[in-house]
Full PDB file with SEQRES, HELIX, SHEET, SSBOND, CRYST1, ORIGX, SCALE, CONECT and MASTER records, all heavy atoms in Angstrom:
SEQRES   1 A   41  ASP LEU ASP LEU LYS VAL THR GLY ASP LEU THR VAL ASP          
SEQRES   2 A   41  CYS HIS HIS SER ILE GLU ASP THR GLY ILE VAL LEU GLY          
SEQRES   3 A   41  ASN ALA ILE ARG LYS ALA VAL GLY ASP LYS ARG GLY ILE          
SEQRES   4 A   41  ARG ARG                                                      
HELIX    1 AA1 HIS A   15  VAL A   33  1                                  19    
CRYST1    1.000    1.000    1.000  90.00  90.00  90.00 P 1           1          
ORIGX1      1.000000  0.000000  0.000000        0.00000                         
ORIGX2      0.000000  1.000000  0.000000        0.00000                         
ORIGX3      0.000000  0.000000  1.000000        0.00000                         
SCALE1      1.000000  0.000000  0.000000        0.00000                         
SCALE2      0.000000  1.000000  0.000000        0.00000                         
SCALE3      0.000000  0.000000  1.000000        0.00000                         
ATOM      1  N   ASP A   1     -78.875 -61.339-107.095  1.00  0.00           N  
ATOM      2  CA  ASP A   1     -78.530 -61.550-105.694  1.00  0.00           C  
ATOM      3  C   ASP A   1     -77.198 -60.867-105.395  1.00  0.00           C  
ATOM      4  O   ASP A   1     -76.286 -60.874-106.215  1.00  0.00           O  
ATOM      5  CB  ASP A   1     -78.434 -63.043-105.383  1.00  0.00           C  
ATOM      6  CG  ASP A   1     -79.767 -63.761-105.546  1.00  0.00           C  
ATOM      7  OD1 ASP A   1     -80.810 -63.083-105.585  1.00  0.00           O  
ATOM      8  OD2 ASP A   1     -79.758 -65.003-105.636  1.00  0.00           O  
ATOM      9  N   LEU A   2     -77.133 -60.294-104.214  1.00  0.00           N  
ATOM     10  CA  LEU A   2     -75.943 -59.559-103.799  1.00  0.00           C  
ATOM     11  C   LEU A   2     -75.613 -59.910-102.361  1.00  0.00           C  
ATOM     12  O   LEU A   2     -76.455 -59.787-101.474  1.00  0.00           O  
ATOM     13  CB  LEU A   2     -76.203 -58.046-103.928  1.00  0.00           C  
ATOM     14  CG  LEU A   2     -75.103 -57.092-103.491  1.00  0.00           C  
ATOM     15  CD1 LEU A   2     -73.856 -57.292-104.351  1.00  0.00           C  
ATOM     16  CD2 LEU A   2     -75.587 -55.652-103.570  1.00  0.00           C  
ATOM     17  N   ASP A   3     -74.399 -60.386-102.154  1.00  0.00           N  
ATOM     18  CA  ASP A   3     -73.901 -60.689-100.811  1.00  0.00           C  
ATOM     19  C   ASP A   3     -72.665 -59.815-100.622  1.00  0.00           C  
ATOM     20  O   ASP A   3     -71.664 -59.980-101.318  1.00  0.00           O  
ATOM     21  CB  ASP A   3     -73.542 -62.173-100.716  1.00  0.00           C  
ATOM     22  CG  ASP A   3     -73.216 -62.605 -99.296  1.00  0.00           C  
ATOM     23  OD1 ASP A   3     -73.079 -61.738 -98.406  1.00  0.00           O  
ATOM     24  OD2 ASP A   3     -73.085 -63.818 -99.079  1.00  0.00           O  
ATOM     25  N   LEU A   4     -72.749 -58.857 -99.700  1.00  0.00           N  
ATOM     26  CA  LEU A   4     -71.716 -57.834 -99.572  1.00  0.00           C  
ATOM     27  C   LEU A   4     -71.409 -57.532 -98.114  1.00  0.00           C  
ATOM     28  O   LEU A   4     -72.309 -57.314 -97.312  1.00  0.00           O  
ATOM     29  CB  LEU A   4     -72.185 -56.550-100.273  1.00  0.00           C  
ATOM     30  CG  LEU A   4     -71.375 -55.283-100.065  1.00  0.00           C  
ATOM     31  CD1 LEU A   4     -69.994 -55.423-100.670  1.00  0.00           C  
ATOM     32  CD2 LEU A   4     -72.109 -54.094-100.655  1.00  0.00           C  
ATOM     33  N   LYS A   5     -70.117 -57.531 -97.800  1.00  0.00           N  
ATOM     34  CA  LYS A   5     -69.638 -57.115 -96.485  1.00  0.00           C  
ATOM     35  C   LYS A   5     -68.484 -56.145 -96.689  1.00  0.00           C  
ATOM     36  O   LYS A   5     -67.527 -56.449 -97.400  1.00  0.00           O  
ATOM     37  CB  LYS A   5     -69.163 -58.336 -95.688  1.00  0.00           C  
ATOM     38  CG  LYS A   5     -68.471 -58.011 -94.385  1.00  0.00           C  
ATOM     39  CD  LYS A   5     -69.407 -57.441 -93.359  1.00  0.00           C  
ATOM     40  CE  LYS A   5     -68.670 -57.207 -92.043  1.00  0.00           C  
ATOM     41  NZ  LYS A   5     -69.317 -56.241 -91.214  1.00  0.00           N  
ATOM     42  N   VAL A   6     -68.614 -54.952 -96.114  1.00  0.00           N  
ATOM     43  CA  VAL A   6     -67.578 -53.927 -96.230  1.00  0.00           C  
ATOM     44  C   VAL A   6     -67.158 -53.506 -94.824  1.00  0.00           C  
ATOM     45  O   VAL A   6     -67.996 -53.196 -93.986  1.00  0.00           O  
ATOM     46  CB  VAL A   6     -68.094 -52.679 -96.999  1.00  0.00           C  
ATOM     47  CG1 VAL A   6     -67.014 -51.613 -97.065  1.00  0.00           C  
ATOM     48  CG2 VAL A   6     -68.573 -53.062 -98.386  1.00  0.00           C  
ATOM     49  N   THR A   7     -65.863 -53.492 -94.600  1.00  0.00           N  
ATOM     50  CA  THR A   7     -65.300 -52.948 -93.370  1.00  0.00           C  
ATOM     51  C   THR A   7     -64.438 -51.773 -93.796  1.00  0.00           C  
ATOM     52  O   THR A   7     -63.457 -51.947 -94.530  1.00  0.00           O  
ATOM     53  CB  THR A   7     -64.454 -53.998 -92.629  1.00  0.00           C  
ATOM     54  OG1 THR A   7     -65.251 -55.147 -92.383  1.00  0.00           O  
ATOM     55  CG2 THR A   7     -63.941 -53.435 -91.319  1.00  0.00           C  
ATOM     56  N   GLY A   8     -64.830 -50.577 -93.377  1.00  0.00           N  
ATOM     57  CA  GLY A   8     -64.122 -49.382 -93.799  1.00  0.00           C  
ATOM     58  C   GLY A   8     -63.706 -48.505 -92.647  1.00  0.00           C  
ATOM     59  O   GLY A   8     -63.958 -48.812 -91.484  1.00  0.00           O  
ATOM     60  N   ASP A   9     -63.115 -47.393 -92.982  1.00  0.00           N  
ATOM     61  CA  ASP A   9     -62.645 -46.422 -91.983  1.00  0.00           C  
ATOM     62  C   ASP A   9     -63.766 -45.419 -91.666  1.00  0.00           C  
ATOM     63  O   ASP A   9     -63.617 -44.221 -91.871  1.00  0.00           O  
ATOM     64  CB  ASP A   9     -61.378 -45.724 -92.461  1.00  0.00           C  
ATOM     65  CG  ASP A   9     -61.534 -45.041 -93.812  1.00  0.00           C  
ATOM     66  OD1 ASP A   9     -62.594 -45.195 -94.454  1.00  0.00           O  
ATOM     67  OD2 ASP A   9     -60.594 -44.340 -94.225  1.00  0.00           O  
ATOM     68  N   LEU A  10     -64.867 -45.923 -91.151  1.00  0.00           N  
ATOM     69  CA  LEU A  10     -66.035 -45.087 -90.895  1.00  0.00           C  
ATOM     70  C   LEU A  10     -65.801 -44.057 -89.795  1.00  0.00           C  
ATOM     71  O   LEU A  10     -66.566 -43.097 -89.680  1.00  0.00           O  
ATOM     72  CB  LEU A  10     -67.253 -45.947 -90.560  1.00  0.00           C  
ATOM     73  CG  LEU A  10     -67.737 -46.853 -91.703  1.00  0.00           C  
ATOM     74  CD1 LEU A  10     -68.932 -47.680 -91.259  1.00  0.00           C  
ATOM     75  CD2 LEU A  10     -68.077 -46.037 -92.942  1.00  0.00           C  
ATOM     76  N   THR A  11     -64.760 -44.220 -89.016  1.00  0.00           N  
ATOM     77  CA  THR A  11     -64.454 -43.198 -88.013  1.00  0.00           C  
ATOM     78  C   THR A  11     -63.981 -41.918 -88.690  1.00  0.00           C  
ATOM     79  O   THR A  11     -64.087 -40.838 -88.114  1.00  0.00           O  
ATOM     80  CB  THR A  11     -63.382 -43.677 -87.015  1.00  0.00           C  
ATOM     81  OG1 THR A  11     -62.228 -44.095 -87.744  1.00  0.00           O  
ATOM     82  CG2 THR A  11     -63.905 -44.833 -86.183  1.00  0.00           C  
ATOM     83  N   VAL A  12     -63.453 -42.048 -89.915  1.00  0.00           N  
ATOM     84  CA  VAL A  12     -63.051 -40.875 -90.697  1.00  0.00           C  
ATOM     85  C   VAL A  12     -64.289 -40.320 -91.406  1.00  0.00           C  
ATOM     86  O   VAL A  12     -64.703 -39.195 -91.177  1.00  0.00           O  
ATOM     87  CB  VAL A  12     -61.939 -41.238 -91.714  1.00  0.00           C  
ATOM     88  CG1 VAL A  12     -61.600 -40.048 -92.587  1.00  0.00           C  
ATOM     89  CG2 VAL A  12     -60.714 -41.760 -90.991  1.00  0.00           C  
ATOM     90  N   ASP A  13     -64.859 -41.112 -92.295  1.00  0.00           N  
ATOM     91  CA  ASP A  13     -66.132 -40.814 -92.954  1.00  0.00           C  
ATOM     92  C   ASP A  13     -66.520 -42.008 -93.815  1.00  0.00           C  
ATOM     93  O   ASP A  13     -65.832 -43.029 -93.818  1.00  0.00           O  
ATOM     94  CB  ASP A  13     -66.094 -39.512 -93.769  1.00  0.00           C  
ATOM     95  CG  ASP A  13     -65.202 -39.567 -94.995  1.00  0.00           C  
ATOM     96  OD1 ASP A  13     -64.789 -40.670 -95.400  1.00  0.00           O  
ATOM     97  OD2 ASP A  13     -64.935 -38.498 -95.559  1.00  0.00           O  
ATOM     98  N   CYS A  14     -67.598 -41.916 -94.556  1.00  0.00           N  
ATOM     99  CA  CYS A  14     -68.095 -43.051 -95.346  1.00  0.00           C  
ATOM    100  C   CYS A  14     -67.599 -43.035 -96.792  1.00  0.00           C  
ATOM    101  O   CYS A  14     -67.889 -43.955 -97.558  1.00  0.00           O  
ATOM    102  CB  CYS A  14     -69.611 -43.104 -95.294  1.00  0.00           C  
ATOM    103  SG  CYS A  14     -70.429 -41.649 -95.983  1.00  0.00           S  
ATOM    104  N   HIS A  15     -66.855 -42.018 -97.167  1.00  0.00           N  
ATOM    105  CA  HIS A  15     -66.429 -41.852 -98.559  1.00  0.00           C  
ATOM    106  C   HIS A  15     -65.723 -43.078 -99.133  1.00  0.00           C  
ATOM    107  O   HIS A  15     -66.073 -43.571-100.201  1.00  0.00           O  
ATOM    108  CB  HIS A  15     -65.524 -40.620 -98.678  1.00  0.00           C  
ATOM    109  CG  HIS A  15     -64.848 -40.495-100.000  1.00  0.00           C  
ATOM    110  ND1 HIS A  15     -65.433 -39.851-101.068  1.00  0.00           N  
ATOM    111  CD2 HIS A  15     -63.647 -40.961-100.441  1.00  0.00           C  
ATOM    112  CE1 HIS A  15     -64.617 -39.918-102.103  1.00  0.00           C  
ATOM    113  NE2 HIS A  15     -63.527 -40.575-101.752  1.00  0.00           N  
ATOM    114  N   HIS A  16     -64.701 -43.584 -98.442  1.00  0.00           N  
ATOM    115  CA  HIS A  16     -63.927 -44.710 -98.970  1.00  0.00           C  
ATOM    116  C   HIS A  16     -64.770 -45.970 -99.079  1.00  0.00           C  
ATOM    117  O   HIS A  16     -64.625 -46.735-100.037  1.00  0.00           O  
ATOM    118  CB  HIS A  16     -62.688 -44.973 -98.109  1.00  0.00           C  
ATOM    119  CG  HIS A  16     -61.704 -43.857 -98.157  1.00  0.00           C  
ATOM    120  ND1 HIS A  16     -61.259 -43.237 -97.015  1.00  0.00           N  
ATOM    121  CD2 HIS A  16     -61.097 -43.237 -99.197  1.00  0.00           C  
ATOM    122  CE1 HIS A  16     -60.411 -42.288 -97.354  1.00  0.00           C  
ATOM    123  NE2 HIS A  16     -60.296 -42.258 -98.670  1.00  0.00           N  
ATOM    124  N   SER A  17     -65.638 -46.200 -98.106  1.00  0.00           N  
ATOM    125  CA  SER A  17     -66.492 -47.391 -98.150  1.00  0.00           C  
ATOM    126  C   SER A  17     -67.410 -47.361 -99.361  1.00  0.00           C  
ATOM    127  O   SER A  17     -67.571 -48.368-100.066  1.00  0.00           O  
ATOM    128  CB  SER A  17     -67.325 -47.507 -96.869  1.00  0.00           C  
ATOM    129  OG  SER A  17     -66.487 -47.733 -95.761  1.00  0.00           O  
ATOM    130  N   ILE A  18     -68.023 -46.223 -99.623  1.00  0.00           N  
ATOM    131  CA  ILE A  18     -68.931 -46.095-100.767  1.00  0.00           C  
ATOM    132  C   ILE A  18     -68.150 -46.178-102.077  1.00  0.00           C  
ATOM    133  O   ILE A  18     -68.539 -46.899-103.005  1.00  0.00           O  
ATOM    134  CB  ILE A  18     -69.744 -44.794-100.663  1.00  0.00           C  
ATOM    135  CG1 ILE A  18     -70.682 -44.869 -99.453  1.00  0.00           C  
ATOM    136  CG2 ILE A  18     -70.527 -44.532-101.950  1.00  0.00           C  
ATOM    137  CD1 ILE A  18     -71.365 -43.566 -99.099  1.00  0.00           C  
ATOM    138  N   GLU A  19     -67.049 -45.462-102.166  1.00  0.00           N  
ATOM    139  CA  GLU A  19     -66.230 -45.460-103.382  1.00  0.00           C  
ATOM    140  C   GLU A  19     -65.735 -46.868-103.719  1.00  0.00           C  
ATOM    141  O   GLU A  19     -65.865 -47.338-104.857  1.00  0.00           O  
ATOM    142  CB  GLU A  19     -65.037 -44.520-103.179  1.00  0.00           C  
ATOM    143  CG  GLU A  19     -64.075 -44.478-104.341  1.00  0.00           C  
ATOM    144  CD  GLU A  19     -62.898 -43.557-104.031  1.00  0.00           C  
ATOM    145  OE1 GLU A  19     -62.302 -43.664-102.934  1.00  0.00           O  
ATOM    146  OE2 GLU A  19     -62.599 -42.734-104.906  1.00  0.00           O  
ATOM    147  N   ASP A  20     -65.164 -47.554-102.743  1.00  0.00           N  
ATOM    148  CA  ASP A  20     -64.621 -48.886-102.989  1.00  0.00           C  
ATOM    149  C   ASP A  20     -65.715 -49.902-103.291  1.00  0.00           C  
ATOM    150  O   ASP A  20     -65.512 -50.816-104.093  1.00  0.00           O  
ATOM    151  CB  ASP A  20     -63.771 -49.346-101.807  1.00  0.00           C  
ATOM    152  CG  ASP A  20     -62.457 -48.587-101.704  1.00  0.00           C  
ATOM    153  OD1 ASP A  20     -62.182 -47.752-102.593  1.00  0.00           O  
ATOM    154  OD2 ASP A  20     -61.712 -48.828-100.743  1.00  0.00           O  
ATOM    155  N   THR A  21     -66.878 -49.749-102.674  1.00  0.00           N  
ATOM    156  CA  THR A  21     -67.996 -50.637-102.990  1.00  0.00           C  
ATOM    157  C   THR A  21     -68.398 -50.481-104.447  1.00  0.00           C  
ATOM    158  O   THR A  21     -68.655 -51.475-105.140  1.00  0.00           O  
ATOM    159  CB  THR A  21     -69.200 -50.358-102.068  1.00  0.00           C  
ATOM    160  OG1 THR A  21     -68.811 -50.615-100.713  1.00  0.00           O  
ATOM    161  CG2 THR A  21     -70.386 -51.234-102.423  1.00  0.00           C  
ATOM    162  N   GLY A  22     -68.435 -49.261-104.950  1.00  0.00           N  
ATOM    163  CA  GLY A  22     -68.754 -49.025-106.360  1.00  0.00           C  
ATOM    164  C   GLY A  22     -67.740 -49.671-107.283  1.00  0.00           C  
ATOM    165  O   GLY A  22     -68.097 -50.286-108.297  1.00  0.00           O  
ATOM    166  N   ILE A  23     -66.470 -49.563-106.942  1.00  0.00           N  
ATOM    167  CA  ILE A  23     -65.407 -50.168-107.750  1.00  0.00           C  
ATOM    168  C   ILE A  23     -65.544 -51.688-107.752  1.00  0.00           C  
ATOM    169  O   ILE A  23     -65.501 -52.334-108.806  1.00  0.00           O  
ATOM    170  CB  ILE A  23     -64.016 -49.734-107.229  1.00  0.00           C  
ATOM    171  CG1 ILE A  23     -63.805 -48.243-107.472  1.00  0.00           C  
ATOM    172  CG2 ILE A  23     -62.907 -50.565-107.890  1.00  0.00           C  
ATOM    173  CD1 ILE A  23     -62.596 -47.659-106.739  1.00  0.00           C  
ATOM    174  N   VAL A  24     -65.732 -52.268-106.570  1.00  0.00           N  
ATOM    175  CA  VAL A  24     -65.841 -53.726-106.457  1.00  0.00           C  
ATOM    176  C   VAL A  24     -67.112 -54.224-107.146  1.00  0.00           C  
ATOM    177  O   VAL A  24     -67.092 -55.243-107.839  1.00  0.00           O  
ATOM    178  CB  VAL A  24     -65.787 -54.161-104.972  1.00  0.00           C  
ATOM    179  CG1 VAL A  24     -66.110 -55.631-104.810  1.00  0.00           C  
ATOM    180  CG2 VAL A  24     -64.408 -53.863-104.392  1.00  0.00           C  
ATOM    181  N   LEU A  25     -68.222 -53.503-107.005  1.00  0.00           N  
ATOM    182  CA  LEU A  25     -69.473 -53.898-107.656  1.00  0.00           C  
ATOM    183  C   LEU A  25     -69.332 -53.858-109.175  1.00  0.00           C  
ATOM    184  O   LEU A  25     -69.750 -54.782-109.874  1.00  0.00           O  
ATOM    185  CB  LEU A  25     -70.627 -53.002-107.205  1.00  0.00           C  
ATOM    186  CG  LEU A  25     -71.999 -53.306-107.803  1.00  0.00           C  
ATOM    187  CD1 LEU A  25     -72.433 -54.727-107.493  1.00  0.00           C  
ATOM    188  CD2 LEU A  25     -73.033 -52.314-107.274  1.00  0.00           C  
ATOM    189  N   GLY A  26     -68.718 -52.810-109.691  1.00  0.00           N  
ATOM    190  CA  GLY A  26     -68.496 -52.721-111.132  1.00  0.00           C  
ATOM    191  C   GLY A  26     -67.638 -53.861-111.647  1.00  0.00           C  
ATOM    192  O   GLY A  26     -67.937 -54.473-112.676  1.00  0.00           O  
ATOM    193  N   ASN A  27     -66.568 -54.188-110.927  1.00  0.00           N  
ATOM    194  CA  ASN A  27     -65.693 -55.298-111.317  1.00  0.00           C  
ATOM    195  C   ASN A  27     -66.419 -56.638-111.233  1.00  0.00           C  
ATOM    196  O   ASN A  27     -66.240 -57.503-112.091  1.00  0.00           O  
ATOM    197  CB  ASN A  27     -64.422 -55.321-110.468  1.00  0.00           C  
ATOM    198  CG  ASN A  27     -63.463 -54.209-110.820  1.00  0.00           C  
ATOM    199  OD1 ASN A  27     -63.464 -53.705-111.935  1.00  0.00           O  
ATOM    200  ND2 ASN A  27     -62.648 -53.811-109.867  1.00  0.00           N  
ATOM    201  N   ALA A  28     -67.247 -56.815-110.204  1.00  0.00           N  
ATOM    202  CA  ALA A  28     -67.996 -58.066-110.047  1.00  0.00           C  
ATOM    203  C   ALA A  28     -69.005 -58.239-111.182  1.00  0.00           C  
ATOM    204  O   ALA A  28     -69.159 -59.338-111.725  1.00  0.00           O  
ATOM    205  CB  ALA A  28     -68.706 -58.095-108.695  1.00  0.00           C  
ATOM    206  N   ILE A  29     -69.684 -57.163-111.552  1.00  0.00           N  
ATOM    207  CA  ILE A  29     -70.640 -57.241-112.662  1.00  0.00           C  
ATOM    208  C   ILE A  29     -69.905 -57.530-113.964  1.00  0.00           C  
ATOM    209  O   ILE A  29     -70.320 -58.382-114.753  1.00  0.00           O  
ATOM    210  CB  ILE A  29     -71.481 -55.956-112.759  1.00  0.00           C  
ATOM    211  CG1 ILE A  29     -72.434 -55.859-111.567  1.00  0.00           C  
ATOM    212  CG2 ILE A  29     -72.260 -55.913-114.077  1.00  0.00           C  
ATOM    213  CD1 ILE A  29     -73.166 -54.538-111.452  1.00  0.00           C  
ATOM    214  N   ARG A  30     -68.776 -56.867-114.188  1.00  0.00           N  
ATOM    215  CA  ARG A  30     -67.993 -57.116-115.402  1.00  0.00           C  
ATOM    216  C   ARG A  30     -67.581 -58.585-115.480  1.00  0.00           C  
ATOM    217  O   ARG A  30     -67.675 -59.223-116.534  1.00  0.00           O  
ATOM    218  CB  ARG A  30     -66.762 -56.221-115.447  1.00  0.00           C  
ATOM    219  CG  ARG A  30     -65.923 -56.480-116.690  1.00  0.00           C  
ATOM    220  CD  ARG A  30     -64.708 -55.593-116.842  1.00  0.00           C  
ATOM    221  NE  ARG A  30     -64.166 -55.173-115.568  1.00  0.00           N  
ATOM    222  CZ  ARG A  30     -63.560 -54.015-115.366  1.00  0.00           C  
ATOM    223  NH1 ARG A  30     -63.412 -53.160-116.350  1.00  0.00           N  
ATOM    224  NH2 ARG A  30     -63.080 -53.702-114.191  1.00  0.00           N  
ATOM    225  N   LYS A  31     -67.140 -59.141-114.366  1.00  0.00           N  
ATOM    226  CA  LYS A  31     -66.732 -60.550-114.342  1.00  0.00           C  
ATOM    227  C   LYS A  31     -67.947 -61.468-114.555  1.00  0.00           C  
ATOM    228  O   LYS A  31     -67.862 -62.447-115.291  1.00  0.00           O  
ATOM    229  CB  LYS A  31     -66.049 -60.871-113.011  1.00  0.00           C  
ATOM    230  CG  LYS A  31     -65.528 -62.276-112.921  1.00  0.00           C  
ATOM    231  CD  LYS A  31     -64.804 -62.513-111.613  1.00  0.00           C  
ATOM    232  CE  LYS A  31     -64.328 -63.955-111.514  1.00  0.00           C  
ATOM    233  NZ  LYS A  31     -63.673 -64.218-110.226  1.00  0.00           N  
ATOM    234  N   ALA A  32     -69.070 -61.131-113.943  1.00  0.00           N  
ATOM    235  CA  ALA A  32     -70.267 -61.976-114.027  1.00  0.00           C  
ATOM    236  C   ALA A  32     -70.866 -62.010-115.433  1.00  0.00           C  
ATOM    237  O   ALA A  32     -71.402 -63.036-115.850  1.00  0.00           O  
ATOM    238  CB  ALA A  32     -71.318 -61.498-113.021  1.00  0.00           C  
ATOM    239  N   VAL A  33     -70.779 -60.921-116.189  1.00  0.00           N  
ATOM    240  CA  VAL A  33     -71.375 -60.905-117.526  1.00  0.00           C  
ATOM    241  C   VAL A  33     -70.494 -61.593-118.560  1.00  0.00           C  
ATOM    242  O   VAL A  33     -70.962 -61.912-119.655  1.00  0.00           O  
ATOM    243  CB  VAL A  33     -71.745 -59.481-118.009  1.00  0.00           C  
ATOM    244  CG1 VAL A  33     -72.766 -58.855-117.096  1.00  0.00           C  
ATOM    245  CG2 VAL A  33     -70.538 -58.593-118.161  1.00  0.00           C  
ATOM    246  N   GLY A  34     -69.232 -61.838-118.231  1.00  0.00           N  
ATOM    247  CA  GLY A  34     -68.350 -62.577-119.138  1.00  0.00           C  
ATOM    248  C   GLY A  34     -68.269 -61.936-120.512  1.00  0.00           C  
ATOM    249  O   GLY A  34     -67.951 -60.761-120.641  1.00  0.00           O  
ATOM    250  N   ASP A  35     -68.591 -62.707-121.562  1.00  0.00           N  
ATOM    251  CA  ASP A  35     -68.510 -62.186-122.927  1.00  0.00           C  
ATOM    252  C   ASP A  35     -69.751 -61.381-123.317  1.00  0.00           C  
ATOM    253  O   ASP A  35     -69.876 -60.938-124.454  1.00  0.00           O  
ATOM    254  CB  ASP A  35     -68.271 -63.312-123.932  1.00  0.00           C  
ATOM    255  CG  ASP A  35     -69.436 -64.279-124.040  1.00  0.00           C  
ATOM    256  OD1 ASP A  35     -70.490 -64.059-123.410  1.00  0.00           O  
ATOM    257  OD2 ASP A  35     -69.285 -65.285-124.765  1.00  0.00           O  
ATOM    258  N   LYS A  36     -70.681 -61.222-122.395  1.00  0.00           N  
ATOM    259  CA  LYS A  36     -71.892 -60.399-122.552  1.00  0.00           C  
ATOM    260  C   LYS A  36     -72.900 -60.975-123.543  1.00  0.00           C  
ATOM    261  O   LYS A  36     -73.853 -60.308-123.918  1.00  0.00           O  
ATOM    262  CB  LYS A  36     -71.548 -58.958-122.932  1.00  0.00           C  
ATOM    263  CG  LYS A  36     -70.637 -58.279-121.944  1.00  0.00           C  
ATOM    264  CD  LYS A  36     -70.250 -56.910-122.433  1.00  0.00           C  
ATOM    265  CE  LYS A  36     -69.149 -56.349-121.570  1.00  0.00           C  
ATOM    266  NZ  LYS A  36     -68.574 -55.159-122.135  1.00  0.00           N  
ATOM    267  N   ARG A  37     -72.707 -62.198-123.969  1.00  0.00           N  
ATOM    268  CA  ARG A  37     -73.617 -62.841-124.906  1.00  0.00           C  
ATOM    269  C   ARG A  37     -75.023 -62.916-124.305  1.00  0.00           C  
ATOM    270  O   ARG A  37     -75.204 -63.352-123.182  1.00  0.00           O  
ATOM    271  CB  ARG A  37     -73.115 -64.232-125.260  1.00  0.00           C  
ATOM    272  CG  ARG A  37     -73.972 -64.926-126.304  1.00  0.00           C  
ATOM    273  CD  ARG A  37     -73.282 -66.104-126.871  1.00  0.00           C  
ATOM    274  NE  ARG A  37     -72.097 -65.610-127.588  1.00  0.00           N  
ATOM    275  CZ  ARG A  37     -71.014 -66.334-127.805  1.00  0.00           C  
ATOM    276  NH1 ARG A  37     -70.949 -67.562-127.383  1.00  0.00           N  
ATOM    277  NH2 ARG A  37     -69.989 -65.822-128.460  1.00  0.00           N  
ATOM    278  N   GLY A  38     -76.003 -62.453-125.056  1.00  0.00           N  
ATOM    279  CA  GLY A  38     -77.401 -62.498-124.626  1.00  0.00           C  
ATOM    280  C   GLY A  38     -77.812 -61.362-123.704  1.00  0.00           C  
ATOM    281  O   GLY A  38     -78.930 -61.328-123.222  1.00  0.00           O  
ATOM    282  N   ILE A  39     -76.900 -60.433-123.446  1.00  0.00           N  
ATOM    283  CA  ILE A  39     -77.196 -59.311-122.554  1.00  0.00           C  
ATOM    284  C   ILE A  39     -77.331 -58.041-123.375  1.00  0.00           C  
ATOM    285  O   ILE A  39     -76.486 -57.749-124.233  1.00  0.00           O  
ATOM    286  CB  ILE A  39     -76.087 -59.142-121.490  1.00  0.00           C  
ATOM    287  CG1 ILE A  39     -76.023 -60.390-120.616  1.00  0.00           C  
ATOM    288  CG2 ILE A  39     -76.338 -57.897-120.647  1.00  0.00           C  
ATOM    289  CD1 ILE A  39     -74.895 -60.360-119.615  1.00  0.00           C  
ATOM    290  N   ARG A  40     -78.368 -57.300-123.125  1.00  0.00           N  
ATOM    291  CA  ARG A  40     -78.507 -56.013-123.792  1.00  0.00           C  
ATOM    292  C   ARG A  40     -77.422 -55.074-123.298  1.00  0.00           C  
ATOM    293  O   ARG A  40     -77.038 -55.099-122.139  1.00  0.00           O  
ATOM    294  CB  ARG A  40     -79.878 -55.411-123.499  1.00  0.00           C  
ATOM    295  CG  ARG A  40     -80.980 -56.213-124.121  1.00  0.00           C  
ATOM    296  CD  ARG A  40     -82.291 -55.553-123.910  1.00  0.00           C  
ATOM    297  NE  ARG A  40     -83.322 -56.349-124.566  1.00  0.00           N  
ATOM    298  CZ  ARG A  40     -84.593 -56.121-124.427  1.00  0.00           C  
ATOM    299  NH1 ARG A  40     -85.012 -55.135-123.678  1.00  0.00           N  
ATOM    300  NH2 ARG A  40     -85.471 -56.878-125.051  1.00  0.00           N  
ATOM    301  N   ARG A  41     -76.955 -54.217-124.199  1.00  0.00           N  
ATOM    302  CA  ARG A  41     -75.813 -53.369-123.883  1.00  0.00           C  
ATOM    303  C   ARG A  41     -76.103 -52.359-122.776  1.00  0.00           C  
ATOM    304  O   ARG A  41     -75.266 -52.084-121.928  1.00  0.00           O  
ATOM    305  CB  ARG A  41     -75.373 -52.631-125.148  1.00  0.00           C  
ATOM    306  CG  ARG A  41     -74.209 -51.728-124.878  1.00  0.00           C  
ATOM    307  CD  ARG A  41     -73.832 -50.940-126.065  1.00  0.00           C  
ATOM    308  NE  ARG A  41     -73.293 -49.685-125.558  1.00  0.00           N  
ATOM    309  CZ  ARG A  41     -73.014 -48.669-126.302  1.00  0.00           C  
ATOM    310  NH1 ARG A  41     -73.228 -48.704-127.575  1.00  0.00           N  
ATOM    311  NH2 ARG A  41     -72.535 -47.575-125.770  1.00  0.00           N  
TER     312      ARG A  41                                                      
MASTER        0    0    0    1    0    0    0    6  311    1    0    4          
END                                                                             
């Protein structure tokens, strides 16, 4: 499940919104997997 809201500088372009979403998603997954026990690498 994914609940995501991004407010970005879309008047400039979408680059920052996409880039920051990737960073936040990666950090959220890292936090959610914890010690990674029981998860395939």
